[in-house]
Amino acid sequence: MFAAPPAFEGGMPSAGLWPLICGCGLMLSALLFPASPASHEATVQNRKAARDAILVALAWILLLPLLGWGVTSLLCGFTACRRAGCSKREALLLTILLCSLLWLGMEHALNVSLPRGKLAGALMEIL
């Protein structure tokens, strides 16, 4: 959050606004929802959830250059929601809603292009 570029460079929101919002959200969550003493079973579940989150994040990082932001975010978001216990319908709805809002915010509100990926670039050249 503190390493992000200035959020209102030139008077308009810039790409620095997103890390600032995310960082503030994480700090508020940590303050409002402090960890409580957990049972052994809850600790095991938390470790499994952390492992799943790390694996999905790594998959996102590895797939991003190839598939681009949209496809990668949809796949990884859906997987993360399913691993967290959402039904297929809930996971699909949440993922599409979140990705759509992020895309609208970045591409249209902030006018920042999201990565397209090598595969999408190759398909565009063919078409």
N, C-alpha and C. Protein backbone atom coordinates (compact mmCIF):
# COMPACT_ATOMS: atom_id res chain seq x y z
N MET A 1 0.83 -1.19 0.00
CA MET A 1 0.00 0.00 0.00
C MET A 1 0.87 1.25 0.00
N PHE A 2 1.92 1.26 0.83
CA PHE A 2 2.75 2.44 0.94
C PHE A 2 3.73 2.57 -0.22
N ALA A 3 3.99 1.49 -0.93
CA ALA A 3 4.93 1.52 -2.06
C ALA A 3 4.23 1.87 -3.37
N ALA A 4 2.90 2.01 -3.34
CA ALA A 4 2.15 2.30 -4.56
C ALA A 4 2.47 3.70 -5.07
N PRO A 5 2.39 3.89 -6.39
CA PRO A 5 2.58 5.24 -6.93
C PRO A 5 1.46 6.16 -6.45
N PRO A 6 1.65 7.46 -6.56
CA PRO A 6 0.61 8.39 -6.11
C PRO A 6 -0.73 8.07 -6.78
N ALA A 7 -1.79 8.07 -5.96
CA ALA A 7 -3.11 7.65 -6.45
C ALA A 7 -3.79 8.71 -7.30
N PHE A 8 -3.46 9.97 -7.08
CA PHE A 8 -4.13 11.05 -7.82
C PHE A 8 -3.10 11.91 -8.53
N GLU A 9 -2.30 11.25 -9.34
CA GLU A 9 -1.27 11.94 -10.10
C GLU A 9 -1.94 12.81 -11.17
N GLY A 10 -1.59 14.05 -11.21
CA GLY A 10 -2.18 14.95 -12.20
C GLY A 10 -3.63 15.27 -11.93
N GLY A 11 -4.10 15.08 -10.70
CA GLY A 11 -5.47 15.40 -10.34
C GLY A 11 -6.48 14.32 -10.65
N MET A 12 -6.10 13.31 -11.41
CA MET A 12 -7.02 12.23 -11.78
C MET A 12 -6.57 10.93 -11.11
N PRO A 13 -7.51 10.01 -10.86
CA PRO A 13 -7.10 8.72 -10.31
C PRO A 13 -6.16 8.00 -11.28
N SER A 14 -5.15 7.36 -10.72
CA SER A 14 -4.20 6.62 -11.56
C SER A 14 -4.14 5.18 -11.07
N ALA A 15 -3.19 4.42 -11.64
CA ALA A 15 -3.05 3.01 -11.26
C ALA A 15 -2.67 2.83 -9.80
N GLY A 16 -2.17 3.85 -9.15
CA GLY A 16 -1.82 3.76 -7.73
C GLY A 16 -3.03 3.69 -6.81
N LEU A 17 -4.21 4.00 -7.36
CA LEU A 17 -5.42 3.97 -6.53
C LEU A 17 -5.78 2.55 -6.11
N TRP A 18 -5.59 1.58 -7.00
CA TRP A 18 -5.97 0.20 -6.70
C TRP A 18 -5.18 -0.38 -5.52
N PRO A 19 -3.83 -0.33 -5.52
CA PRO A 19 -3.11 -0.87 -4.36
C PRO A 19 -3.42 -0.12 -3.08
N LEU A 20 -3.72 1.17 -3.19
CA LEU A 20 -4.08 1.95 -2.01
C LEU A 20 -5.41 1.46 -1.43
N ILE A 21 -6.39 1.22 -2.28
CA ILE A 21 -7.70 0.72 -1.82
C ILE A 21 -7.55 -0.68 -1.21
N CYS A 22 -6.81 -1.56 -1.90
CA CYS A 22 -6.61 -2.93 -1.39
C CYS A 22 -5.88 -2.93 -0.06
N GLY A 23 -4.83 -2.13 0.04
CA GLY A 23 -4.06 -2.06 1.28
C GLY A 23 -4.91 -1.55 2.44
N CYS A 24 -5.70 -0.51 2.20
CA CYS A 24 -6.58 0.01 3.24
C CYS A 24 -7.62 -1.03 3.65
N GLY A 25 -8.15 -1.74 2.67
CA GLY A 25 -9.14 -2.80 2.97
C GLY A 25 -8.54 -3.90 3.82
N LEU A 26 -7.31 -4.30 3.49
CA LEU A 26 -6.65 -5.34 4.28
C LEU A 26 -6.36 -4.86 5.70
N MET A 27 -5.91 -3.62 5.83
CA MET A 27 -5.64 -3.09 7.18
C MET A 27 -6.92 -2.99 8.00
N LEU A 28 -7.99 -2.51 7.39
CA LEU A 28 -9.27 -2.41 8.11
C LEU A 28 -9.79 -3.79 8.51
N SER A 29 -9.65 -4.76 7.62
CA SER A 29 -10.08 -6.12 7.93
C SER A 29 -9.30 -6.69 9.11
N ALA A 30 -8.00 -6.45 9.13
CA ALA A 30 -7.17 -6.94 10.23
C ALA A 30 -7.57 -6.28 11.56
N LEU A 31 -7.94 -5.01 11.51
CA LEU A 31 -8.32 -4.31 12.73
C LEU A 31 -9.73 -4.68 13.20
N LEU A 32 -10.65 -4.83 12.25
CA LEU A 32 -12.04 -5.10 12.61
C LEU A 32 -12.32 -6.56 12.92
N PHE A 33 -11.53 -7.45 12.35
CA PHE A 33 -11.76 -8.88 12.54
C PHE A 33 -10.50 -9.55 13.09
N PRO A 34 -10.15 -9.24 14.33
CA PRO A 34 -8.92 -9.84 14.87
C PRO A 34 -9.05 -11.35 15.01
N ALA A 35 -7.93 -12.01 14.95
CA ALA A 35 -7.92 -13.46 15.09
C ALA A 35 -8.36 -13.86 16.49
N SER A 36 -9.15 -14.90 16.56
CA SER A 36 -9.59 -15.39 17.86
C SER A 36 -8.93 -16.74 18.11
N PRO A 37 -8.80 -17.12 19.38
CA PRO A 37 -8.22 -18.44 19.65
C PRO A 37 -9.05 -19.53 18.97
N ALA A 38 -8.38 -20.42 18.28
CA ALA A 38 -9.09 -21.43 17.50
C ALA A 38 -8.77 -22.83 18.01
N SER A 39 -9.70 -23.72 17.74
CA SER A 39 -9.49 -25.12 18.08
C SER A 39 -8.48 -25.73 17.11
N HIS A 40 -8.06 -26.94 17.42
CA HIS A 40 -7.11 -27.63 16.54
C HIS A 40 -7.71 -27.83 15.15
N GLU A 41 -9.00 -28.18 15.09
CA GLU A 41 -9.67 -28.41 13.81
C GLU A 41 -9.71 -27.12 12.98
N ALA A 42 -10.01 -26.00 13.64
CA ALA A 42 -10.04 -24.72 12.93
C ALA A 42 -8.65 -24.34 12.42
N THR A 43 -7.62 -24.65 13.19
CA THR A 43 -6.25 -24.36 12.77
C THR A 43 -5.89 -25.17 11.52
N VAL A 44 -6.29 -26.44 11.49
CA VAL A 44 -6.03 -27.28 10.32
C VAL A 44 -6.78 -26.74 9.11
N GLN A 45 -8.02 -26.33 9.28
CA GLN A 45 -8.80 -25.77 8.18
C GLN A 45 -8.18 -24.47 7.68
N ASN A 46 -7.69 -23.64 8.61
CA ASN A 46 -7.05 -22.39 8.21
C ASN A 46 -5.79 -22.64 7.41
N ARG A 47 -5.01 -23.65 7.80
CA ARG A 47 -3.80 -23.98 7.05
C ARG A 47 -4.14 -24.48 5.65
N LYS A 48 -5.19 -25.30 5.55
CA LYS A 48 -5.62 -25.80 4.25
C LYS A 48 -6.10 -24.64 3.37
N ALA A 49 -6.86 -23.73 3.95
CA ALA A 49 -7.34 -22.58 3.20
C ALA A 49 -6.18 -21.70 2.74
N ALA A 50 -5.19 -21.52 3.60
CA ALA A 50 -4.01 -20.72 3.23
C ALA A 50 -3.25 -21.40 2.10
N ARG A 51 -3.09 -22.72 2.18
CA ARG A 51 -2.41 -23.46 1.12
C ARG A 51 -3.16 -23.32 -0.20
N ASP A 52 -4.47 -23.47 -0.16
CA ASP A 52 -5.28 -23.32 -1.37
C ASP A 52 -5.15 -21.92 -1.96
N ALA A 53 -5.16 -20.91 -1.11
CA ALA A 53 -5.03 -19.52 -1.58
C ALA A 53 -3.67 -19.29 -2.24
N ILE A 54 -2.63 -19.84 -1.66
CA ILE A 54 -1.29 -19.70 -2.23
C ILE A 54 -1.20 -20.40 -3.57
N LEU A 55 -1.77 -21.60 -3.68
CA LEU A 55 -1.75 -22.34 -4.95
C LEU A 55 -2.52 -21.61 -6.04
N VAL A 56 -3.66 -21.04 -5.70
CA VAL A 56 -4.44 -20.29 -6.69
C VAL A 56 -3.69 -19.03 -7.11
N ALA A 57 -3.07 -18.35 -6.16
CA ALA A 57 -2.29 -17.14 -6.48
C ALA A 57 -1.11 -17.48 -7.39
N LEU A 58 -0.42 -18.59 -7.11
CA LEU A 58 0.69 -19.02 -7.97
C LEU A 58 0.19 -19.38 -9.38
N ALA A 59 -0.95 -20.05 -9.45
CA ALA A 59 -1.52 -20.38 -10.76
C ALA A 59 -1.85 -19.11 -11.52
N TRP A 60 -2.39 -18.11 -10.83
CA TRP A 60 -2.71 -16.83 -11.47
C TRP A 60 -1.45 -16.17 -12.03
N ILE A 61 -0.39 -16.17 -11.22
CA ILE A 61 0.87 -15.56 -11.66
C ILE A 61 1.44 -16.28 -12.87
N LEU A 62 1.38 -17.61 -12.87
CA LEU A 62 1.94 -18.39 -13.96
C LEU A 62 1.10 -18.31 -15.24
N LEU A 63 -0.22 -18.25 -15.11
CA LEU A 63 -1.10 -18.23 -16.28
C LEU A 63 -1.28 -16.84 -16.88
N LEU A 64 -1.05 -15.79 -16.11
CA LEU A 64 -1.29 -14.42 -16.57
C LEU A 64 -0.56 -14.08 -17.86
N PRO A 65 0.75 -14.35 -18.00
CA PRO A 65 1.42 -13.99 -19.26
C PRO A 65 0.88 -14.74 -20.48
N LEU A 66 0.40 -15.95 -20.28
CA LEU A 66 -0.09 -16.76 -21.40
C LEU A 66 -1.54 -16.45 -21.76
N LEU A 67 -2.42 -16.45 -20.77
CA LEU A 67 -3.86 -16.32 -21.02
C LEU A 67 -4.38 -14.90 -20.92
N GLY A 68 -3.64 -14.02 -20.28
CA GLY A 68 -4.12 -12.65 -20.08
C GLY A 68 -4.93 -12.52 -18.80
N TRP A 69 -5.25 -11.28 -18.47
CA TRP A 69 -5.89 -10.98 -17.20
C TRP A 69 -7.29 -11.57 -17.09
N GLY A 70 -8.11 -11.40 -18.11
CA GLY A 70 -9.51 -11.80 -18.02
C GLY A 70 -9.71 -13.29 -17.80
N VAL A 71 -9.15 -14.10 -18.68
CA VAL A 71 -9.32 -15.56 -18.57
C VAL A 71 -8.69 -16.08 -17.30
N THR A 72 -7.48 -15.62 -17.01
CA THR A 72 -6.78 -16.08 -15.81
C THR A 72 -7.56 -15.73 -14.55
N SER A 73 -8.06 -14.51 -14.47
CA SER A 73 -8.81 -14.08 -13.28
C SER A 73 -10.11 -14.84 -13.13
N LEU A 74 -10.78 -15.12 -14.24
CA LEU A 74 -12.02 -15.90 -14.17
C LEU A 74 -11.74 -17.32 -13.69
N LEU A 75 -10.74 -17.97 -14.27
CA LEU A 75 -10.41 -19.34 -13.87
C LEU A 75 -9.98 -19.43 -12.41
N CYS A 76 -9.06 -18.56 -12.03
CA CYS A 76 -8.53 -18.61 -10.66
C CYS A 76 -9.56 -18.14 -9.64
N GLY A 77 -10.36 -17.15 -9.98
CA GLY A 77 -11.41 -16.69 -9.08
C GLY A 77 -12.45 -17.77 -8.83
N PHE A 78 -12.85 -18.44 -9.91
CA PHE A 78 -13.82 -19.54 -9.78
C PHE A 78 -13.24 -20.66 -8.92
N THR A 79 -11.98 -21.01 -9.17
CA THR A 79 -11.33 -22.07 -8.39
C THR A 79 -11.23 -21.69 -6.92
N ALA A 80 -10.85 -20.45 -6.65
CA ALA A 80 -10.73 -19.99 -5.26
C ALA A 80 -12.08 -20.03 -4.55
N CYS A 81 -13.12 -19.59 -5.22
CA CYS A 81 -14.45 -19.62 -4.62
C CYS A 81 -14.91 -21.04 -4.34
N ARG A 82 -14.68 -21.94 -5.29
CA ARG A 82 -15.07 -23.35 -5.09
C ARG A 82 -14.31 -23.96 -3.93
N ARG A 83 -13.00 -23.70 -3.84
CA ARG A 83 -12.18 -24.25 -2.76
C ARG A 83 -12.60 -23.67 -1.40
N ALA A 84 -13.19 -22.48 -1.43
CA ALA A 84 -13.64 -21.85 -0.19
C ALA A 84 -15.02 -22.35 0.24
N GLY A 85 -15.66 -23.17 -0.61
CA GLY A 85 -16.93 -23.77 -0.21
C GLY A 85 -18.14 -23.22 -0.92
N CYS A 86 -17.98 -22.35 -1.89
CA CYS A 86 -19.13 -21.82 -2.64
C CYS A 86 -19.66 -22.88 -3.60
N SER A 87 -20.94 -22.79 -3.88
CA SER A 87 -21.51 -23.66 -4.90
C SER A 87 -21.02 -23.19 -6.27
N LYS A 88 -21.23 -24.02 -7.29
CA LYS A 88 -20.80 -23.63 -8.64
C LYS A 88 -21.48 -22.34 -9.08
N ARG A 89 -22.75 -22.25 -8.79
CA ARG A 89 -23.51 -21.05 -9.18
C ARG A 89 -22.99 -19.81 -8.46
N GLU A 90 -22.78 -19.90 -7.15
CA GLU A 90 -22.25 -18.78 -6.38
C GLU A 90 -20.86 -18.38 -6.86
N ALA A 91 -20.01 -19.38 -7.07
CA ALA A 91 -18.64 -19.11 -7.51
C ALA A 91 -18.64 -18.42 -8.86
N LEU A 92 -19.48 -18.87 -9.78
CA LEU A 92 -19.54 -18.27 -11.10
C LEU A 92 -20.05 -16.84 -11.02
N LEU A 93 -21.10 -16.63 -10.26
CA LEU A 93 -21.67 -15.29 -10.11
C LEU A 93 -20.68 -14.33 -9.46
N LEU A 94 -20.06 -14.74 -8.36
CA LEU A 94 -19.09 -13.88 -7.68
C LEU A 94 -17.90 -13.56 -8.57
N THR A 95 -17.41 -14.56 -9.27
CA THR A 95 -16.24 -14.36 -10.12
C THR A 95 -16.55 -13.41 -11.28
N ILE A 96 -17.67 -13.62 -11.94
CA ILE A 96 -18.03 -12.74 -13.05
C ILE A 96 -18.27 -11.33 -12.56
N LEU A 97 -18.95 -11.18 -11.43
CA LEU A 97 -19.22 -9.85 -10.88
C LEU A 97 -17.92 -9.13 -10.51
N LEU A 98 -17.04 -9.81 -9.79
CA LEU A 98 -15.79 -9.18 -9.36
C LEU A 98 -14.91 -8.83 -10.55
N CYS A 99 -14.74 -9.77 -11.48
CA CYS A 99 -13.90 -9.51 -12.65
C CYS A 99 -14.47 -8.39 -13.51
N SER A 100 -15.78 -8.35 -13.65
CA SER A 100 -16.41 -7.28 -14.44
C SER A 100 -16.19 -5.92 -13.79
N LEU A 101 -16.38 -5.84 -12.48
CA LEU A 101 -16.17 -4.57 -11.79
C LEU A 101 -14.71 -4.12 -11.86
N LEU A 102 -13.79 -5.05 -11.67
CA LEU A 102 -12.38 -4.70 -11.77
C LEU A 102 -12.01 -4.25 -13.18
N TRP A 103 -12.52 -4.96 -14.18
CA TRP A 103 -12.25 -4.59 -15.56
C TRP A 103 -12.81 -3.21 -15.88
N LEU A 104 -14.05 -2.95 -15.48
CA LEU A 104 -14.64 -1.63 -15.72
C LEU A 104 -13.85 -0.54 -15.02
N GLY A 105 -13.47 -0.80 -13.78
CA GLY A 105 -12.71 0.19 -13.03
C GLY A 105 -11.35 0.49 -13.62
N MET A 106 -10.63 -0.55 -14.01
CA MET A 106 -9.28 -0.35 -14.54
C MET A 106 -9.31 0.16 -15.99
N GLU A 107 -10.04 -0.52 -16.86
CA GLU A 107 -10.03 -0.19 -18.28
C GLU A 107 -10.77 1.10 -18.60
N HIS A 108 -11.89 1.34 -17.92
CA HIS A 108 -12.71 2.49 -18.29
C HIS A 108 -12.57 3.66 -17.32
N ALA A 109 -12.63 3.41 -16.02
CA ALA A 109 -12.54 4.52 -15.07
C ALA A 109 -11.12 5.07 -14.98
N LEU A 110 -10.13 4.18 -14.88
CA LEU A 110 -8.74 4.62 -14.74
C LEU A 110 -7.99 4.64 -16.07
N ASN A 111 -8.58 4.07 -17.12
CA ASN A 111 -7.97 4.03 -18.44
C ASN A 111 -6.60 3.34 -18.42
N VAL A 112 -6.53 2.22 -17.69
CA VAL A 112 -5.31 1.43 -17.59
C VAL A 112 -5.58 0.08 -18.24
N SER A 113 -4.80 -0.28 -19.24
CA SER A 113 -4.99 -1.55 -19.93
C SER A 113 -4.50 -2.71 -19.07
N LEU A 114 -5.30 -3.76 -19.01
CA LEU A 114 -4.92 -4.96 -18.29
C LEU A 114 -4.19 -5.89 -19.26
N PRO A 115 -3.29 -6.74 -18.76
CA PRO A 115 -2.52 -7.62 -19.64
C PRO A 115 -3.42 -8.53 -20.48
N ARG A 116 -3.12 -8.61 -21.79
CA ARG A 116 -3.91 -9.43 -22.72
C ARG A 116 -3.40 -10.86 -22.79
N GLY A 117 -2.13 -11.09 -22.66
CA GLY A 117 -1.58 -12.44 -22.73
C GLY A 117 -1.14 -12.82 -24.13
N LYS A 118 -0.19 -13.73 -24.22
CA LYS A 118 0.36 -14.16 -25.50
C LYS A 118 -0.68 -14.90 -26.35
N LEU A 119 -1.47 -15.74 -25.72
CA LEU A 119 -2.49 -16.49 -26.45
C LEU A 119 -3.54 -15.57 -27.07
N ALA A 120 -4.00 -14.58 -26.30
CA ALA A 120 -4.98 -13.63 -26.82
C ALA A 120 -4.37 -12.81 -27.94
N GLY A 121 -3.09 -12.42 -27.80
CA GLY A 121 -2.42 -11.67 -28.86
C GLY A 121 -2.29 -12.49 -30.12
N ALA A 122 -1.98 -13.78 -30.00
CA ALA A 122 -1.87 -14.65 -31.15
C ALA A 122 -3.22 -14.83 -31.83
N LEU A 123 -4.29 -14.97 -31.05
CA LEU A 123 -5.63 -15.10 -31.62
C LEU A 123 -6.05 -13.84 -32.36
N MET A 124 -5.69 -12.68 -31.83
CA MET A 124 -6.03 -11.40 -32.48
C MET A 124 -5.32 -11.27 -33.82
N GLU A 125 -4.07 -11.75 -33.90
CA GLU A 125 -3.32 -11.69 -35.15
C GLU A 125 -3.94 -12.61 -36.20
N ILE A 126 -4.43 -13.77 -35.77
CA ILE A 126 -5.05 -14.71 -36.69
C ILE A 126 -6.36 -14.15 -37.23
N LEU A 127 -7.15 -13.55 -36.34
CA LEU A 127 -8.45 -13.01 -36.74
C LEU A 127 -8.24 -11.70 -37.44
